[in-house]
Amino acid sequence: MNKLTILAKQLRQNQTPQEQKLWNIIRNHKFHNLKFKRQQPIGEYIVDFLCKDIKLIIEIDGGQHNTPENILADDERTQFLQSKGYSIIRFWNNEIDNNLEGVYLELEKIYQKGTK
C-alpha cells in the first residue's frame, strides 16, 4: 500500500463530525441510488467524497481553508480535479452543522442539472 492509500484509510477511520453528518445522508446509495466513496485518492490528492457515476467530488472545508495559502492550494487542487473531468462542490463545516437541509438541496440542484 502506498502512503496516500494508507492516509486515506486513516482519514476514513477518523471522520470529522461534519463528514459523518454528510456521509449519513449519501452513503449506501441513499442519494438517488448513487454510490459515493469516502476519502478517495485521485492523483496526489485525497477527496472527501467521490461519486464516479456522475463525476462529482464533495469537499467539506474547515476554517483552515480560508487562508491565502490554502485558498491558492485549493484552487490548484480544483483545477487538477476538473482536468480529470470531475465537478467539485465545497461546503464549509458550519454549513453542514447549521444548514444540512440546504446542503442537501444544493446537491439536489447539481444532480438535477446533471441529469438534464
PDB file of N, CA and C in Angstrom:
ATOM      1  N   MET A   1       0.850  -1.197   0.000  1.00  0.00           N
ATOM      2  CA  MET A   1       0.000   0.000   0.000  1.00  0.00           C
ATOM      3  C   MET A   1       0.886   1.249   0.000  1.00  0.00           C
ATOM      4  N   ASN A   2       0.511   2.229  -0.822  1.00  0.00           N
ATOM      5  CA  ASN A   2       1.320   3.449  -0.832  1.00  0.00           C
ATOM      6  C   ASN A   2       0.865   4.404   0.277  1.00  0.00           C
ATOM      7  N   LYS A   3       1.650   5.460   0.476  1.00  0.00           N
ATOM      8  CA  LYS A   3       1.378   6.407   1.573  1.00  0.00           C
ATOM      9  C   LYS A   3       0.007   7.043   1.459  1.00  0.00           C
ATOM     10  N   LEU A   4      -0.400   7.399   0.238  1.00  0.00           N
ATOM     11  CA  LEU A   4      -1.692   8.066   0.047  1.00  0.00           C
ATOM     12  C   LEU A   4      -2.851   7.135   0.403  1.00  0.00           C
ATOM     13  N   THR A   5      -2.734   5.875   0.017  1.00  0.00           N
ATOM     14  CA  THR A   5      -3.774   4.893   0.330  1.00  0.00           C
ATOM     15  C   THR A   5      -3.876   4.682   1.838  1.00  0.00           C
ATOM     16  N   ILE A   6      -2.737   4.618   2.505  1.00  0.00           N
ATOM     17  CA  ILE A   6      -2.719   4.452   3.966  1.00  0.00           C
ATOM     18  C   ILE A   6      -3.352   5.673   4.638  1.00  0.00           C
ATOM     19  N   LEU A   7      -2.989   6.873   4.172  1.00  0.00           N
ATOM     20  CA  LEU A   7      -3.571   8.091   4.735  1.00  0.00           C
ATOM     21  C   LEU A   7      -5.084   8.142   4.506  1.00  0.00           C
ATOM     22  N   ALA A   8      -5.534   7.757   3.306  1.00  0.00           N
ATOM     23  CA  ALA A   8      -6.970   7.754   3.008  1.00  0.00           C
ATOM     24  C   ALA A   8      -7.707   6.815   3.973  1.00  0.00           C
ATOM     25  N   LYS A   9      -7.141   5.661   4.222  1.00  0.00           N
ATOM     26  CA  LYS A   9      -7.752   4.708   5.161  1.00  0.00           C
ATOM     27  C   LYS A   9      -7.843   5.313   6.562  1.00  0.00           C
ATOM     28  N   GLN A  10      -6.771   5.992   6.990  1.00  0.00           N
ATOM     29  CA  GLN A  10      -6.773   6.635   8.310  1.00  0.00           C
ATOM     30  C   GLN A  10      -7.842   7.730   8.367  1.00  0.00           C
ATOM     31  N   LEU A  11      -7.976   8.501   7.294  1.00  0.00           N
ATOM     32  CA  LEU A  11      -8.983   9.561   7.263  1.00  0.00           C
ATOM     33  C   LEU A  11     -10.401   8.987   7.330  1.00  0.00           C
ATOM     34  N   ARG A  12     -10.625   7.842   6.669  1.00  0.00           N
ATOM     35  CA  ARG A  12     -11.949   7.198   6.750  1.00  0.00           C
ATOM     36  C   ARG A  12     -12.256   6.755   8.174  1.00  0.00           C
ATOM     37  N   GLN A  13     -11.225   6.325   8.880  1.00  0.00           N
ATOM     38  CA  GLN A  13     -11.411   5.847  10.252  1.00  0.00           C
ATOM     39  C   GLN A  13     -11.575   6.987  11.246  1.00  0.00           C
ATOM     40  N   ASN A  14     -11.196   8.200  10.858  1.00  0.00           N
ATOM     41  CA  ASN A  14     -11.234   9.352  11.762  1.00  0.00           C
ATOM     42  C   ASN A  14     -11.996  10.517  11.132  1.00  0.00           C
ATOM     43  N   GLN A  15     -13.227  10.240  10.719  1.00  0.00           N
ATOM     44  CA  GLN A  15     -14.033  11.281  10.088  1.00  0.00           C
ATOM     45  C   GLN A  15     -14.307  12.439  11.035  1.00  0.00           C
ATOM     46  N   THR A  16     -14.403  13.637  10.456  1.00  0.00           N
ATOM     47  CA  THR A  16     -14.842  14.784  11.251  1.00  0.00           C
ATOM     48  C   THR A  16     -16.344  14.640  11.497  1.00  0.00           C
ATOM     49  N   PRO A  17     -16.884  15.337  12.486  1.00  0.00           N
ATOM     50  CA  PRO A  17     -18.336  15.277  12.701  1.00  0.00           C
ATOM     51  C   PRO A  17     -19.113  15.718  11.454  1.00  0.00           C
ATOM     52  N   GLN A  18     -18.591  16.689  10.727  1.00  0.00           N
ATOM     53  CA  GLN A  18     -19.277  17.182   9.538  1.00  0.00           C
ATOM     54  C   GLN A  18     -19.253  16.133   8.421  1.00  0.00           C
ATOM     55  N   GLU A  19     -18.140  15.451   8.266  1.00  0.00           N
ATOM     56  CA  GLU A  19     -18.069  14.374   7.277  1.00  0.00           C
ATOM     57  C   GLU A  19     -19.060  13.273   7.627  1.00  0.00           C
ATOM     58  N   GLN A  20     -19.160  12.963   8.901  1.00  0.00           N
ATOM     59  CA  GLN A  20     -20.084  11.915   9.341  1.00  0.00           C
ATOM     60  C   GLN A  20     -21.526  12.311   9.051  1.00  0.00           C
ATOM     61  N   LYS A  21     -21.876  13.567   9.301  1.00  0.00           N
ATOM     62  CA  LYS A  21     -23.246  14.030   9.028  1.00  0.00           C
ATOM     63  C   LYS A  21     -23.591  13.902   7.554  1.00  0.00           C
ATOM     64  N   LEU A  22     -22.682  14.343   6.691  1.00  0.00           N
ATOM     65  CA  LEU A  22     -22.959  14.252   5.259  1.00  0.00           C
ATOM     66  C   LEU A  22     -22.964  12.792   4.807  1.00  0.00           C
ATOM     67  N   TRP A  23     -22.018  12.031   5.297  1.00  0.00           N
ATOM     68  CA  TRP A  23     -21.935  10.617   4.929  1.00  0.00           C
ATOM     69  C   TRP A  23     -23.239   9.895   5.261  1.00  0.00           C
ATOM     70  N   ASN A  24     -23.855  10.242   6.370  1.00  0.00           N
ATOM     71  CA  ASN A  24     -25.110   9.599   6.761  1.00  0.00           C
ATOM     72  C   ASN A  24     -26.238   9.835   5.766  1.00  0.00           C
ATOM     73  N   ILE A  25     -26.169  10.909   4.981  1.00  0.00           N
ATOM     74  CA  ILE A  25     -27.260  11.149   4.022  1.00  0.00           C
ATOM     75  C   ILE A  25     -26.914  10.735   2.585  1.00  0.00           C
ATOM     76  N   ILE A  26     -25.645  10.384   2.315  1.00  0.00           N
ATOM     77  CA  ILE A  26     -25.301   9.966   0.951  1.00  0.00           C
ATOM     78  C   ILE A  26     -24.814   8.514   0.873  1.00  0.00           C
ATOM     79  N   ARG A  27     -24.550   7.890   1.994  1.00  0.00           N
ATOM     80  CA  ARG A  27     -24.000   6.533   1.983  1.00  0.00           C
ATOM     81  C   ARG A  27     -25.047   5.504   1.567  1.00  0.00           C
ATOM     82  N   ASN A  28     -24.592   4.335   1.202  1.00  0.00           N
ATOM     83  CA  ASN A  28     -25.458   3.202   0.861  1.00  0.00           C
ATOM     84  C   ASN A  28     -26.509   3.548  -0.194  1.00  0.00           C
ATOM     85  N   HIS A  29     -26.116   4.328  -1.171  1.00  0.00           N
ATOM     86  CA  HIS A  29     -27.000   4.660  -2.292  1.00  0.00           C
ATOM     87  C   HIS A  29     -28.242   5.446  -1.873  1.00  0.00           C
ATOM     88  N   LYS A  30     -28.196   6.150  -0.741  1.00  0.00           N
ATOM     89  CA  LYS A  30     -29.359   6.905  -0.253  1.00  0.00           C
ATOM     90  C   LYS A  30     -29.687   8.118  -1.113  1.00  0.00           C
ATOM     91  N   PHE A  31     -28.691   8.668  -1.805  1.00  0.00           N
ATOM     92  CA  PHE A  31     -28.907   9.862  -2.627  1.00  0.00           C
ATOM     93  C   PHE A  31     -29.033   9.418  -4.083  1.00  0.00           C
ATOM     94  N   HIS A  32     -30.259   9.331  -4.552  1.00  0.00           N
ATOM     95  CA  HIS A  32     -30.570   8.963  -5.944  1.00  0.00           C
ATOM     96  C   HIS A  32     -29.892   7.671  -6.386  1.00  0.00           C
ATOM     97  N   ASN A  33     -29.756   6.760  -5.438  1.00  0.00           N
ATOM     98  CA  ASN A  33     -29.162   5.448  -5.694  1.00  0.00           C
ATOM     99  C   ASN A  33     -27.733   5.538  -6.242  1.00  0.00           C
ATOM    100  N   LEU A  34     -27.047   6.630  -5.917  1.00  0.00           N
ATOM    101  CA  LEU A  34     -25.672   6.816  -6.368  1.00  0.00           C
ATOM    102  C   LEU A  34     -24.695   6.259  -5.340  1.00  0.00           C
ATOM    103  N   LYS A  35     -23.595   5.722  -5.828  1.00  0.00           N
ATOM    104  CA  LYS A  35     -22.542   5.182  -4.968  1.00  0.00           C
ATOM    105  C   LYS A  35     -21.501   6.264  -4.695  1.00  0.00           C
ATOM    106  N   PHE A  36     -21.362   6.636  -3.434  1.00  0.00           N
ATOM    107  CA  PHE A  36     -20.319   7.573  -3.003  1.00  0.00           C
ATOM    108  C   PHE A  36     -19.268   6.806  -2.226  1.00  0.00           C
ATOM    109  N   LYS A  37     -18.029   7.243  -2.370  1.00  0.00           N
ATOM    110  CA  LYS A  37     -16.926   6.701  -1.585  1.00  0.00           C
ATOM    111  C   LYS A  37     -16.321   7.830  -0.775  1.00  0.00           C
ATOM    112  N   ARG A  38     -15.763   7.477   0.374  1.00  0.00           N
ATOM    113  CA  ARG A  38     -15.132   8.462   1.258  1.00  0.00           C
ATOM    114  C   ARG A  38     -13.630   8.429   1.088  1.00  0.00           C
ATOM    115  N   GLN A  39     -13.031   9.604   1.241  1.00  0.00           N
ATOM    116  CA  GLN A  39     -11.564   9.726   1.305  1.00  0.00           C
ATOM    117  C   GLN A  39     -10.895   8.891   0.211  1.00  0.00           C
ATOM    118  N   GLN A  40     -11.093   9.331  -1.022  1.00  0.00           N
ATOM    119  CA  GLN A  40     -10.556   8.610  -2.173  1.00  0.00           C
ATOM    120  C   GLN A  40      -9.371   9.339  -2.800  1.00  0.00           C
ATOM    121  N   PRO A  41      -8.269   8.641  -2.999  1.00  0.00           N
ATOM    122  CA  PRO A  41      -7.125   9.255  -3.679  1.00  0.00           C
ATOM    123  C   PRO A  41      -7.417   9.473  -5.171  1.00  0.00           C
ATOM    124  N   ILE A  42      -7.075  10.653  -5.650  1.00  0.00           N
ATOM    125  CA  ILE A  42      -7.094  10.964  -7.080  1.00  0.00           C
ATOM    126  C   ILE A  42      -5.805  11.748  -7.334  1.00  0.00           C
ATOM    127  N   GLY A  43      -4.937  11.190  -8.131  1.00  0.00           N
ATOM    128  CA  GLY A  43      -3.632  11.823  -8.321  1.00  0.00           C
ATOM    129  C   GLY A  43      -2.916  11.900  -6.987  1.00  0.00           C
ATOM    130  N   GLU A  44      -2.437  13.092  -6.654  1.00  0.00           N
ATOM    131  CA  GLU A  44      -1.726  13.272  -5.384  1.00  0.00           C
ATOM    132  C   GLU A  44      -2.632  13.781  -4.273  1.00  0.00           C
ATOM    133  N   TYR A  45      -3.943  13.799  -4.536  1.00  0.00           N
ATOM    134  CA  TYR A  45      -4.907  14.345  -3.582  1.00  0.00           C
ATOM    135  C   TYR A  45      -5.810  13.248  -3.022  1.00  0.00           C
ATOM    136  N   ILE A  46      -6.398  13.550  -1.874  1.00  0.00           N
ATOM    137  CA  ILE A  46      -7.450  12.703  -1.314  1.00  0.00           C
ATOM    138  C   ILE A  46      -8.689  13.573  -1.223  1.00  0.00           C
ATOM    139  N   VAL A  47      -9.764  13.134  -1.874  1.00  0.00           N
ATOM    140  CA  VAL A  47     -11.003  13.914  -1.850  1.00  0.00           C
ATOM    141  C   VAL A  47     -11.917  13.353  -0.769  1.00  0.00           C
ATOM    142  N   ASP A  48     -12.740  14.233  -0.196  1.00  0.00           N
ATOM    143  CA  ASP A  48     -13.616  13.803   0.903  1.00  0.00           C
ATOM    144  C   ASP A  48     -14.640  12.773   0.438  1.00  0.00           C
ATOM    145  N   PHE A  49     -15.394  13.106  -0.621  1.00  0.00           N
ATOM    146  CA  PHE A  49     -16.431  12.205  -1.125  1.00  0.00           C
ATOM    147  C   PHE A  49     -16.373  12.198  -2.647  1.00  0.00           C
ATOM    148  N   LEU A  50     -16.528  11.025  -3.219  1.00  0.00           N
ATOM    149  CA  LEU A  50     -16.437  10.870  -4.661  1.00  0.00           C
ATOM    150  C   LEU A  50     -17.592  10.014  -5.162  1.00  0.00           C
ATOM    151  N   CYS A  51     -18.251  10.506  -6.206  1.00  0.00           N
ATOM    152  CA  CYS A  51     -19.241   9.705  -6.916  1.00  0.00           C
ATOM    153  C   CYS A  51     -18.758   9.593  -8.354  1.00  0.00           C
ATOM    154  N   LYS A  52     -18.246   8.431  -8.714  1.00  0.00           N
ATOM    155  CA  LYS A  52     -17.718   8.227 -10.060  1.00  0.00           C
ATOM    156  C   LYS A  52     -18.837   8.243 -11.107  1.00  0.00           C
ATOM    157  N   ASP A  53     -20.038   7.801 -10.714  1.00  0.00           N
ATOM    158  CA  ASP A  53     -21.150   7.719 -11.676  1.00  0.00           C
ATOM    159  C   ASP A  53     -21.452   9.066 -12.327  1.00  0.00           C
ATOM    160  N   ILE A  54     -21.402  10.129 -11.533  1.00  0.00           N
ATOM    161  CA  ILE A  54     -21.694  11.459 -12.087  1.00  0.00           C
ATOM    162  C   ILE A  54     -20.477  12.378 -12.013  1.00  0.00           C
ATOM    163  N   LYS A  55     -19.297  11.779 -11.741  1.00  0.00           N
ATOM    164  CA  LYS A  55     -18.026  12.521 -11.696  1.00  0.00           C
ATOM    165  C   LYS A  55     -18.125  13.750 -10.793  1.00  0.00           C
ATOM    166  N   LEU A  56     -18.622  13.520  -9.571  1.00  0.00           N
ATOM    167  CA  LEU A  56     -18.804  14.585  -8.590  1.00  0.00           C
ATOM    168  C   LEU A  56     -17.920  14.339  -7.378  1.00  0.00           C
ATOM    169  N   ILE A  57     -17.257  15.407  -6.954  1.00  0.00           N
ATOM    170  CA  ILE A  57     -16.466  15.399  -5.723  1.00  0.00           C
ATOM    171  C   ILE A  57     -17.092  16.405  -4.768  1.00  0.00           C
ATOM    172  N   ILE A  58     -17.293  15.974  -3.528  1.00  0.00           N
ATOM    173  CA  ILE A  58     -17.800  16.861  -2.476  1.00  0.00           C
ATOM    174  C   ILE A  58     -16.681  17.043  -1.463  1.00  0.00           C
ATOM    175  N   GLU A  59     -16.355  18.291  -1.196  1.00  0.00           N
ATOM    176  CA  GLU A  59     -15.336  18.615  -0.209  1.00  0.00           C
ATOM    177  C   GLU A  59     -15.981  19.379   0.941  1.00  0.00           C
ATOM    178  N   ILE A  60     -15.564  19.062   2.154  1.00  0.00           N
ATOM    179  CA  ILE A  60     -16.027  19.775   3.343  1.00  0.00           C
ATOM    180  C   ILE A  60     -14.803  20.469   3.941  1.00  0.00           C
ATOM    181  N   ASP A  61     -14.901  21.770   4.041  1.00  0.00           N
ATOM    182  CA  ASP A  61     -13.756  22.575   4.457  1.00  0.00           C
ATOM    183  C   ASP A  61     -13.972  23.234   5.812  1.00  0.00           C
ATOM    184  N   GLY A  62     -12.922  23.216   6.618  1.00  0.00           N
ATOM    185  CA  GLY A  62     -12.901  23.960   7.871  1.00  0.00           C
ATOM    186  C   GLY A  62     -12.239  25.309   7.653  1.00  0.00           C
ATOM    187  N   GLY A  63     -12.149  26.079   8.692  1.00  0.00           N
ATOM    188  CA  GLY A  63     -11.606  27.427   8.626  1.00  0.00           C
ATOM    189  C   GLY A  63     -10.176  27.508   8.129  1.00  0.00           C
ATOM    190  N   GLN A  64      -9.396  26.425   8.279  1.00  0.00           N
ATOM    191  CA  GLN A  64      -8.015  26.441   7.810  1.00  0.00           C
ATOM    192  C   GLN A  64      -7.933  26.629   6.298  1.00  0.00           C
ATOM    193  N   HIS A  65      -9.015  26.374   5.591  1.00  0.00           N
ATOM    194  CA  HIS A  65      -9.032  26.543   4.136  1.00  0.00           C
ATOM    195  C   HIS A  65      -9.202  28.000   3.726  1.00  0.00           C
ATOM    196  N   ASN A  66      -9.397  28.881   4.686  1.00  0.00           N
ATOM    197  CA  ASN A  66      -9.694  30.285   4.397  1.00  0.00           C
ATOM    198  C   ASN A  66      -8.459  31.190   4.499  1.00  0.00           C
ATOM    199  N   THR A  67      -7.274  30.608   4.455  1.00  0.00           N
ATOM    200  CA  THR A  67      -6.049  31.413   4.458  1.00  0.00           C
ATOM    201  C   THR A  67      -5.602  31.604   2.998  1.00  0.00           C
ATOM    202  N   PRO A  68      -4.864  32.671   2.707  1.00  0.00           N
ATOM    203  CA  PRO A  68      -4.417  32.890   1.324  1.00  0.00           C
ATOM    204  C   PRO A  68      -3.672  31.687   0.725  1.00  0.00           C
ATOM    205  N   GLU A  69      -2.780  31.067   1.513  1.00  0.00           N
ATOM    206  CA  GLU A  69      -2.021  29.917   1.009  1.00  0.00           C
ATOM    207  C   GLU A  69      -2.941  28.746   0.690  1.00  0.00           C
ATOM    208  N   ASN A  70      -3.899  28.484   1.588  1.00  0.00           N
ATOM    209  CA  ASN A  70      -4.786  27.341   1.378  1.00  0.00           C
ATOM    210  C   ASN A  70      -5.812  27.612   0.288  1.00  0.00           C
ATOM    211  N   ILE A  71      -6.216  28.856   0.116  1.00  0.00           N
ATOM    212  CA  ILE A  71      -7.115  29.194  -0.986  1.00  0.00           C
ATOM    213  C   ILE A  71      -6.414  28.898  -2.308  1.00  0.00           C
ATOM    214  N   LEU A  72      -5.149  29.296  -2.402  1.00  0.00           N
ATOM    215  CA  LEU A  72      -4.362  29.024  -3.609  1.00  0.00           C
ATOM    216  C   LEU A  72      -4.194  27.518  -3.822  1.00  0.00           C
ATOM    217  N   ALA A  73      -3.870  26.800  -2.769  1.00  0.00           N
ATOM    218  CA  ALA A  73      -3.698  25.344  -2.866  1.00  0.00           C
ATOM    219  C   ALA A  73      -5.000  24.669  -3.283  1.00  0.00           C
ATOM    220  N   ASP A  74      -6.130  25.116  -2.717  1.00  0.00           N
ATOM    221  CA  ASP A  74      -7.427  24.546  -3.084  1.00  0.00           C
ATOM    222  C   ASP A  74      -7.774  24.854  -4.537  1.00  0.00           C
ATOM    223  N   ASP A  75      -7.408  26.042  -5.021  1.00  0.00           N
ATOM    224  CA  ASP A  75      -7.638  26.392  -6.424  1.00  0.00           C
ATOM    225  C   ASP A  75      -6.842  25.463  -7.349  1.00  0.00           C
ATOM    226  N   GLU A  76      -5.592  25.214  -6.997  1.00  0.00           N
ATOM    227  CA  GLU A  76      -4.754  24.306  -7.801  1.00  0.00           C
ATOM    228  C   GLU A  76      -5.330  22.894  -7.792  1.00  0.00           C
ATOM    229  N   ARG A  77      -5.773  22.476  -6.626  1.00  0.00           N
ATOM    230  CA  ARG A  77      -6.378  21.150  -6.470  1.00  0.00           C
ATOM    231  C   ARG A  77      -7.632  21.043  -7.329  1.00  0.00           C
ATOM    232  N   THR A  78      -8.478  22.080  -7.257  1.00  0.00           N
ATOM    233  CA  THR A  78      -9.715  22.089  -8.034  1.00  0.00           C
ATOM    234  C   THR A  78      -9.408  22.021  -9.528  1.00  0.00           C
ATOM    235  N   GLN A  79      -8.432  22.795  -9.978  1.00  0.00           N
ATOM    236  CA  GLN A  79      -8.067  22.777 -11.403  1.00  0.00           C
ATOM    237  C   GLN A  79      -7.603  21.386 -11.838  1.00  0.00           C
ATOM    238  N   PHE A  80      -6.806  20.741 -11.001  1.00  0.00           N
ATOM    239  CA  PHE A  80      -6.347  19.392 -11.327  1.00  0.00           C
ATOM    240  C   PHE A  80      -7.535  18.437 -11.425  1.00  0.00           C
ATOM    241  N   LEU A  81      -8.409  18.461 -10.433  1.00  0.00           N
ATOM    242  CA  LEU A  81      -9.550  17.540 -10.414  1.00  0.00           C
ATOM    243  C   LEU A  81     -10.492  17.806 -11.581  1.00  0.00           C
ATOM    244  N   GLN A  82     -10.707  19.075 -11.905  1.00  0.00           N
ATOM    245  CA  GLN A  82     -11.543  19.407 -13.058  1.00  0.00           C
ATOM    246  C   GLN A  82     -10.890  18.917 -14.350  1.00  0.00           C
ATOM    247  N   SER A  83      -9.570  18.961 -14.426  1.00  0.00           N
ATOM    248  CA  SER A  83      -8.874  18.479 -15.623  1.00  0.00           C
ATOM    249  C   SER A  83      -9.074  16.977 -15.814  1.00  0.00           C
ATOM    250  N   LYS A  84      -9.446  16.297 -14.748  1.00  0.00           N
ATOM    251  CA  LYS A  84      -9.741  14.864 -14.807  1.00  0.00           C
ATOM    252  C   LYS A  84     -11.229  14.603 -15.067  1.00  0.00           C
ATOM    253  N   GLY A  85     -11.997  15.682 -15.274  1.00  0.00           N
ATOM    254  CA  GLY A  85     -13.412  15.537 -15.629  1.00  0.00           C
ATOM    255  C   GLY A  85     -14.385  15.602 -14.468  1.00  0.00           C
ATOM    256  N   TYR A  86     -13.892  15.943 -13.292  1.00  0.00           N
ATOM    257  CA  TYR A  86     -14.769  15.988 -12.115  1.00  0.00           C
ATOM    258  C   TYR A  86     -15.347  17.381 -11.894  1.00  0.00           C
ATOM    259  N   SER A  87     -16.561  17.411 -11.377  1.00  0.00           N
ATOM    260  CA  SER A  87     -17.145  18.634 -10.828  1.00  0.00           C
ATOM    261  C   SER A  87     -16.886  18.608  -9.336  1.00  0.00           C
ATOM    262  N   ILE A  88     -16.617  19.762  -8.765  1.00  0.00           N
ATOM    263  CA  ILE A  88     -16.305  19.847  -7.335  1.00  0.00           C
ATOM    264  C   ILE A  88     -17.255  20.826  -6.680  1.00  0.00           C
ATOM    265  N   ILE A  89     -17.834  20.410  -5.574  1.00  0.00           N
ATOM    266  CA  ILE A  89     -18.625  21.325  -4.756  1.00  0.00           C
ATOM    267  C   ILE A  89     -18.019  21.314  -3.364  1.00  0.00           C
ATOM    268  N   ARG A  90     -17.923  22.503  -2.788  1.00  0.00           N
ATOM    269  CA  ARG A  90     -17.336  22.646  -1.453  1.00  0.00           C
ATOM    270  C   ARG A  90     -18.387  23.200  -0.496  1.00  0.00           C
ATOM    271  N   PHE A  91     -18.373  22.653   0.689  1.00  0.00           N
ATOM    272  CA  PHE A  91     -19.212  23.153   1.772  1.00  0.00           C
ATOM    273  C   PHE A  91     -18.316  23.448   2.965  1.00  0.00           C
ATOM    274  N   TRP A  92     -18.649  24.497   3.685  1.00  0.00           N
ATOM    275  CA  TRP A  92     -17.951  24.816   4.928  1.00  0.00           C
ATOM    276  C   TRP A  92     -18.513  23.943   6.047  1.00  0.00           C
ATOM    277  N   ASN A  93     -17.697  23.678   7.052  1.00  0.00           N
ATOM    278  CA  ASN A  93     -18.159  22.927   8.220  1.00  0.00           C
ATOM    279  C   ASN A  93     -19.435  23.520   8.802  1.00  0.00           C
ATOM    280  N   ASN A  94     -19.479  24.865   8.910  1.00  0.00           N
ATOM    281  CA  ASN A  94     -20.658  25.470   9.538  1.00  0.00           C
ATOM    282  C   ASN A  94     -21.914  25.292   8.683  1.00  0.00           C
ATOM    283  N   GLU A  95     -21.758  25.136   7.364  1.00  0.00           N
ATOM    284  CA  GLU A  95     -22.926  24.844   6.527  1.00  0.00           C
ATOM    285  C   GLU A  95     -23.484  23.460   6.864  1.00  0.00           C
ATOM    286  N   ILE A  96     -22.591  22.501   7.055  1.00  0.00           N
ATOM    287  CA  ILE A  96     -23.014  21.143   7.422  1.00  0.00           C
ATOM    288  C   ILE A  96     -23.659  21.172   8.803  1.00  0.00           C
ATOM    289  N   ASP A  97     -23.053  21.901   9.745  1.00  0.00           N
ATOM    290  CA  ASP A  97     -23.568  21.947  11.114  1.00  0.00           C
ATOM    291  C   ASP A  97     -24.899  22.691  11.222  1.00  0.00           C
ATOM    292  N   ASN A  98     -25.030  23.794  10.477  1.00  0.00           N
ATOM    293  CA  ASN A  98     -26.180  24.688  10.690  1.00  0.00           C
ATOM    294  C   ASN A  98     -27.237  24.651   9.596  1.00  0.00           C
ATOM    295  N   ASN A  99     -26.925  24.021   8.460  1.00  0.00           N
ATOM    296  CA  ASN A  99     -27.888  24.043   7.365  1.00  0.00           C
ATOM    297  C   ASN A  99     -27.741  22.786   6.508  1.00  0.00           C
ATOM    298  N   LEU A 100     -27.832  21.621   7.122  1.00  0.00           N
ATOM    299  CA  LEU A 100     -27.676  20.360   6.397  1.00  0.00           C
ATOM    300  C   LEU A 100     -28.747  20.218   5.321  1.00  0.00           C
ATOM    301  N   GLU A 101     -29.932  20.715   5.595  1.00  0.00           N
ATOM    302  CA  GLU A 101     -31.002  20.660   4.595  1.00  0.00           C
ATOM    303  C   GLU A 101     -30.627  21.491   3.354  1.00  0.00           C
ATOM    304  N   GLY A 102     -30.045  22.657   3.583  1.00  0.00           N
ATOM    305  CA  GLY A 102     -29.588  23.496   2.478  1.00  0.00           C
ATOM    306  C   GLY A 102     -28.482  22.825   1.673  1.00  0.00           C
ATOM    307  N   VAL A 103     -27.595  22.130   2.345  1.00  0.00           N
ATOM    308  CA  VAL A 103     -26.536  21.378   1.672  1.00  0.00           C
ATOM    309  C   VAL A 103     -27.169  20.304   0.790  1.00  0.00           C
ATOM    310  N   TYR A 104     -28.133  19.596   1.350  1.00  0.00           N
ATOM    311  CA  TYR A 104     -28.826  18.555   0.586  1.00  0.00           C
ATOM    312  C   TYR A 104     -29.499  19.158  -0.646  1.00  0.00           C
ATOM    313  N   LEU A 105     -30.128  20.314  -0.476  1.00  0.00           N
ATOM    314  CA  LEU A 105     -30.797  20.961  -1.609  1.00  0.00           C
ATOM    315  C   LEU A 105     -29.795  21.383  -2.685  1.00  0.00           C
ATOM    316  N   GLU A 106     -28.599  21.820  -2.292  1.00  0.00           N
ATOM    317  CA  GLU A 106     -27.558  22.151  -3.269  1.00  0.00           C
ATOM    318  C   GLU A 106     -27.140  20.904  -4.049  1.00  0.00           C
ATOM    319  N   LEU A 107     -27.012  19.788  -3.355  1.00  0.00           N
ATOM    320  CA  LEU A 107     -26.670  18.536  -4.028  1.00  0.00           C
ATOM    321  C   LEU A 107     -27.780  18.128  -4.991  1.00  0.00           C
ATOM    322  N   GLU A 108     -29.022  18.349  -4.584  1.00  0.00           N
ATOM    323  CA  GLU A 108     -30.173  18.071  -5.458  1.00  0.00           C
ATOM    324  C   GLU A 108     -30.082  18.890  -6.744  1.00  0.00           C
ATOM    325  N   LYS A 109     -29.755  20.177  -6.614  1.00  0.00           N
ATOM    326  CA  LYS A 109     -29.636  21.048  -7.796  1.00  0.00           C
ATOM    327  C   LYS A 109     -28.574  20.506  -8.752  1.00  0.00           C
ATOM    328  N   ILE A 110     -27.440  20.109  -8.201  1.00  0.00           N
ATOM    329  CA  ILE A 110     -26.358  19.570  -9.031  1.00  0.00           C
ATOM    330  C   ILE A 110     -26.818  18.292  -9.721  1.00  0.00           C
ATOM    331  N   TYR A 111     -27.494  17.442  -8.967  1.00  0.00           N
ATOM    332  CA  TYR A 111     -27.973  16.186  -9.545  1.00  0.00           C
ATOM    333  C   TYR A 111     -28.973  16.462 -10.671  1.00  0.00           C
ATOM    334  N   GLN A 112     -29.920  17.368 -10.404  1.00  0.00           N
ATOM    335  CA  GLN A 112     -30.929  17.673 -11.414  1.00  0.00           C
ATOM    336  C   GLN A 112     -30.290  18.269 -12.667  1.00  0.00           C
ATOM    337  N   LYS A 113     -29.323  19.159 -12.482  1.00  0.00           N
ATOM    338  CA  LYS A 113     -28.634  19.791 -13.622  1.00  0.00           C
ATOM    339  C   LYS A 113     -27.891  18.734 -14.443  1.00  0.00           C
ATOM    340  N   GLY A 114     -27.310  17.785 -13.740  1.00  0.00           N
ATOM    341  CA  GLY A 114     -26.529  16.750 -14.423  1.00  0.00           C
ATOM    342  C   GLY A 114     -27.357  15.700 -15.140  1.00  0.00           C
ATOM    343  N   THR A 115     -28.621  15.581 -14.794  1.00  0.00           N
ATOM    344  CA  THR A 115     -29.462  14.552 -15.425  1.00  0.00           C
ATOM    345  C   THR A 115     -30.324  15.113 -16.547  1.00  0.00           C
ATOM    346  N   LYS A 116     -30.197  16.420 -16.810  1.00  0.00           N
ATOM    347  CA  LYS A 116     -30.996  17.008 -17.891  1.00  0.00           C
ATOM    348  C   LYS A 116     -30.308  16.858 -19.211  1.00  0.00           C
TER     349      LYS A 116
END
